[in-house]
Amino acid sequence: QVQLVESGGGLVQPGGSLRLSCTASGTIFDINAMGWYRQAPGKRRGMVAIITNNGTINYADTVMGRFTISRENRKRTVHLQMNSLNPVDTAAYYCNATLWSRGSRTYADCWGQGTQVTVSS
């Protein structure tokens, strides 16, 4: 069974930084894109940043220049370095991976359980 386990969320003051990490485990043959999404209360889940297995990166406009996504393929891990955080960044952050695992005939999306990021003074 494939799992994505996130870590690194928490409470931070405005202007501060946090680093999120997510590691995929299980019998995985290949991982295509990995990324981060977030969902604030009362709002839809939206893309924050995505990185493909060849290094192509996309960021949401709202985080461009403040957040950096990176990936360690051997460790099946993706990171999100978040700088200059402000209260509007407060949300549950979810890791996502498009991967091919045992028991699947094709690539499928897998989600982590989410980690809370709260930006408040």
C-alpha atoms as a PDB file:
ATOM      1  CA  GLN A   1       0.000   0.000   0.000  1.00  0.00           C
ATOM      2  CA  VAL A   2       1.352   3.384  -1.005  1.00  0.00           C
ATOM      3  CA  GLN A   3       1.526   6.163   1.552  1.00  0.00           C
ATOM      4  CA  LEU A   4       2.617   9.793   1.474  1.00  0.00           C
ATOM      5  CA  VAL A   5       3.733  11.047   4.858  1.00  0.00           C
ATOM      6  CA  GLU A   6       4.128  14.786   5.428  1.00  0.00           C
ATOM      7  CA  SER A   7       6.053  16.598   8.122  1.00  0.00           C
ATOM      8  CA  GLY A   8       7.139  20.119   9.018  1.00  0.00           C
ATOM      9  CA  GLY A   9       3.931  22.021   9.569  1.00  0.00           C
ATOM     10  CA  GLY A  10       3.286  24.195  12.591  1.00  0.00           C
ATOM     11  CA  LEU A  11       2.778  27.699  13.911  1.00  0.00           C
ATOM     12  CA  VAL A  12       4.996  30.520  12.680  1.00  0.00           C
ATOM     13  CA  GLN A  13       4.946  34.307  12.978  1.00  0.00           C
ATOM     14  CA  PRO A  14       4.396  36.519   9.929  1.00  0.00           C
ATOM     15  CA  GLY A  15       7.620  36.853   7.990  1.00  0.00           C
ATOM     16  CA  GLY A  16       8.878  33.516   9.231  1.00  0.00           C
ATOM     17  CA  SER A  17       9.798  30.314   7.426  1.00  0.00           C
ATOM     18  CA  LEU A  18       8.832  26.662   7.458  1.00  0.00           C
ATOM     19  CA  ARG A  19       9.995  23.634   5.507  1.00  0.00           C
ATOM     20  CA  LEU A  20       7.570  20.883   4.625  1.00  0.00           C
ATOM     21  CA  SER A  21       8.673  17.407   3.581  1.00  0.00           C
ATOM     22  CA  CYS A  22       6.795  14.462   2.128  1.00  0.00           C
ATOM     23  CA  THR A  23       8.048  10.929   1.560  1.00  0.00           C
ATOM     24  CA  ALA A  24       6.362   8.227  -0.472  1.00  0.00           C
ATOM     25  CA  SER A  25       6.529   4.631   0.712  1.00  0.00           C
ATOM     26  CA  GLY A  26       5.299   1.295  -0.598  1.00  0.00           C
ATOM     27  CA  THR A  27       5.940  -0.740  -3.710  1.00  0.00           C
ATOM     28  CA  ILE A  28       6.364   2.086  -6.208  1.00  0.00           C
ATOM     29  CA  PHE A  29       7.653   1.549  -9.727  1.00  0.00           C
ATOM     30  CA  ASP A  30       7.841   5.168 -10.776  1.00  0.00           C
ATOM     31  CA  ILE A  31       6.857   8.650  -9.613  1.00  0.00           C
ATOM     32  CA  ASN A  32       6.041  11.340 -12.146  1.00  0.00           C
ATOM     33  CA  ALA A  33       5.016  14.647 -10.590  1.00  0.00           C
ATOM     34  CA  MET A  34       5.146  15.473  -6.911  1.00  0.00           C
ATOM     35  CA  GLY A  35       3.695  18.583  -5.416  1.00  0.00           C
ATOM     36  CA  TRP A  36       1.940  20.521  -2.723  1.00  0.00           C
ATOM     37  CA  TYR A  37      -1.613  21.755  -2.489  1.00  0.00           C
ATOM     38  CA  ARG A  38      -3.316  23.723   0.242  1.00  0.00           C
ATOM     39  CA  GLN A  39      -6.809  24.252   1.526  1.00  0.00           C
ATOM     40  CA  ALA A  40      -7.931  27.009   3.857  1.00  0.00           C
ATOM     41  CA  PRO A  41     -11.231  26.764   5.763  1.00  0.00           C
ATOM     42  CA  GLY A  42     -14.168  27.409   3.466  1.00  0.00           C
ATOM     43  CA  LYS A  43     -12.020  27.394   0.336  1.00  0.00           C
ATOM     44  CA  ARG A  44     -11.215  24.872  -2.375  1.00  0.00           C
ATOM     45  CA  ARG A  45      -7.949  22.979  -2.437  1.00  0.00           C
ATOM     46  CA  GLY A  46      -5.501  24.649  -4.776  1.00  0.00           C
ATOM     47  CA  MET A  47      -2.080  23.966  -6.230  1.00  0.00           C
ATOM     48  CA  VAL A  48       0.904  25.544  -4.497  1.00  0.00           C
ATOM     49  CA  ALA A  49       3.856  24.030  -6.356  1.00  0.00           C
ATOM     50  CA  ILE A  50       4.564  21.010  -8.546  1.00  0.00           C
ATOM     51  CA  ILE A  51       7.821  19.437  -9.694  1.00  0.00           C
ATOM     52  CA  THR A  52       8.035  16.715 -12.330  1.00  0.00           C
ATOM     53  CA  ASN A  53      10.574  13.906 -12.471  1.00  0.00           C
ATOM     54  CA  ASN A  54      12.607  15.852 -15.048  1.00  0.00           C
ATOM     55  CA  GLY A  55      12.711  18.955 -12.868  1.00  0.00           C
ATOM     56  CA  THR A  56       9.992  21.093 -14.454  1.00  0.00           C
ATOM     57  CA  ILE A  57       8.469  23.333 -11.772  1.00  0.00           C
ATOM     58  CA  ASN A  58       5.258  25.306 -11.560  1.00  0.00           C
ATOM     59  CA  TYR A  59       4.240  27.659  -8.758  1.00  0.00           C
ATOM     60  CA  ALA A  60       0.997  29.343  -7.898  1.00  0.00           C
ATOM     61  CA  ASP A  61       1.273  33.085  -8.513  1.00  0.00           C
ATOM     62  CA  THR A  62       0.605  33.792  -4.843  1.00  0.00           C
ATOM     63  CA  VAL A  63       3.752  31.965  -3.692  1.00  0.00           C
ATOM     64  CA  MET A  64       6.137  32.780  -6.539  1.00  0.00           C
ATOM     65  CA  GLY A  65       9.408  34.123  -5.162  1.00  0.00           C
ATOM     66  CA  ARG A  66       8.632  33.057  -1.595  1.00  0.00           C
ATOM     67  CA  PHE A  67       8.286  29.276  -1.803  1.00  0.00           C
ATOM     68  CA  THR A  68      10.747  26.797  -3.285  1.00  0.00           C
ATOM     69  CA  ILE A  69       9.954  23.209  -4.166  1.00  0.00           C
ATOM     70  CA  SER A  70      12.667  20.571  -4.462  1.00  0.00           C
ATOM     71  CA  ARG A  71      12.835  16.845  -4.830  1.00  0.00           C
ATOM     72  CA  GLU A  72      15.085  13.951  -3.896  1.00  0.00           C
ATOM     73  CA  ASN A  73      14.189  11.163  -6.299  1.00  0.00           C
ATOM     74  CA  ARG A  74      16.204   8.425  -4.619  1.00  0.00           C
ATOM     75  CA  LYS A  75      14.460   9.145  -1.333  1.00  0.00           C
ATOM     76  CA  ARG A  76      11.059   9.587  -3.012  1.00  0.00           C
ATOM     77  CA  THR A  77      10.844  12.855  -1.121  1.00  0.00           C
ATOM     78  CA  VAL A  78       9.609  16.328  -1.992  1.00  0.00           C
ATOM     79  CA  HIS A  79      10.250  19.459   0.042  1.00  0.00           C
ATOM     80  CA  LEU A  80       8.601  22.853   0.173  1.00  0.00           C
ATOM     81  CA  GLN A  81      10.648  25.697   1.626  1.00  0.00           C
ATOM     82  CA  MET A  82       8.292  28.496   2.595  1.00  0.00           C
ATOM     83  CA  ASN A  83       9.733  31.938   3.331  1.00  0.00           C
ATOM     84  CA  SER A  84       8.148  35.314   4.058  1.00  0.00           C
ATOM     85  CA  LEU A  85       5.029  33.615   5.318  1.00  0.00           C
ATOM     86  CA  ASN A  86       1.951  35.715   5.948  1.00  0.00           C
ATOM     87  CA  PRO A  87      -1.462  34.945   7.440  1.00  0.00           C
ATOM     88  CA  VAL A  88      -3.039  34.266   4.046  1.00  0.00           C
ATOM     89  CA  ASP A  89      -0.737  31.241   3.769  1.00  0.00           C
ATOM     90  CA  THR A  90      -2.541  29.626   6.694  1.00  0.00           C
ATOM     91  CA  ALA A  91      -4.015  26.348   5.466  1.00  0.00           C
ATOM     92  CA  ALA A  92      -3.774  22.582   5.553  1.00  0.00           C
ATOM     93  CA  TYR A  93      -1.012  21.582   3.141  1.00  0.00           C
ATOM     94  CA  TYR A  94      -1.331  18.315   1.256  1.00  0.00           C
ATOM     95  CA  CYS A  95       1.350  16.372  -0.547  1.00  0.00           C
ATOM     96  CA  ASN A  96       0.425  14.833  -3.894  1.00  0.00           C
ATOM     97  CA  ALA A  97       2.232  12.363  -6.135  1.00  0.00           C
ATOM     98  CA  THR A  98       1.347  10.909  -9.522  1.00  0.00           C
ATOM     99  CA  LEU A  99       2.810   7.457  -9.343  1.00  0.00           C
ATOM    100  CA  TRP A 100       2.695   3.895 -10.613  1.00  0.00           C
ATOM    101  CA  SER A 101       2.547   1.306  -7.901  1.00  0.00           C
ATOM    102  CA  ARG A 102       2.005  -2.411  -7.540  1.00  0.00           C
ATOM    103  CA  GLY A 103      -1.560  -3.364  -8.284  1.00  0.00           C
ATOM    104  CA  SER A 104      -2.119  -0.447 -10.660  1.00  0.00           C
ATOM    105  CA  ARG A 105      -2.073  -0.619 -14.444  1.00  0.00           C
ATOM    106  CA  THR A 106      -1.289   3.037 -14.831  1.00  0.00           C
ATOM    107  CA  TYR A 107      -0.261   6.171 -12.960  1.00  0.00           C
ATOM    108  CA  ALA A 108      -2.626   7.444 -10.313  1.00  0.00           C
ATOM    109  CA  ASP A 109      -2.807  10.324  -7.867  1.00  0.00           C
ATOM    110  CA  CYS A 110      -1.940   9.695  -4.248  1.00  0.00           C
ATOM    111  CA  TRP A 111      -2.496  12.160  -1.387  1.00  0.00           C
ATOM    112  CA  GLY A 112      -0.987  12.641   2.019  1.00  0.00           C
ATOM    113  CA  GLN A 113      -3.050  13.196   5.142  1.00  0.00           C
ATOM    114  CA  GLY A 114      -2.201  16.900   5.315  1.00  0.00           C
ATOM    115  CA  THR A 115      -0.178  19.059   7.662  1.00  0.00           C
ATOM    116  CA  GLN A 116      -1.400  22.304   9.171  1.00  0.00           C
ATOM    117  CA  VAL A 117       0.471  25.561   8.638  1.00  0.00           C
ATOM    118  CA  THR A 118      -0.667  28.505  10.736  1.00  0.00           C
ATOM    119  CA  VAL A 119       0.830  31.968  10.304  1.00  0.00           C
ATOM    120  CA  SER A 120      -0.090  34.217  13.192  1.00  0.00           C
ATOM    121  CA  SER A 121       1.432  36.656  15.646  1.00  0.00           C
END
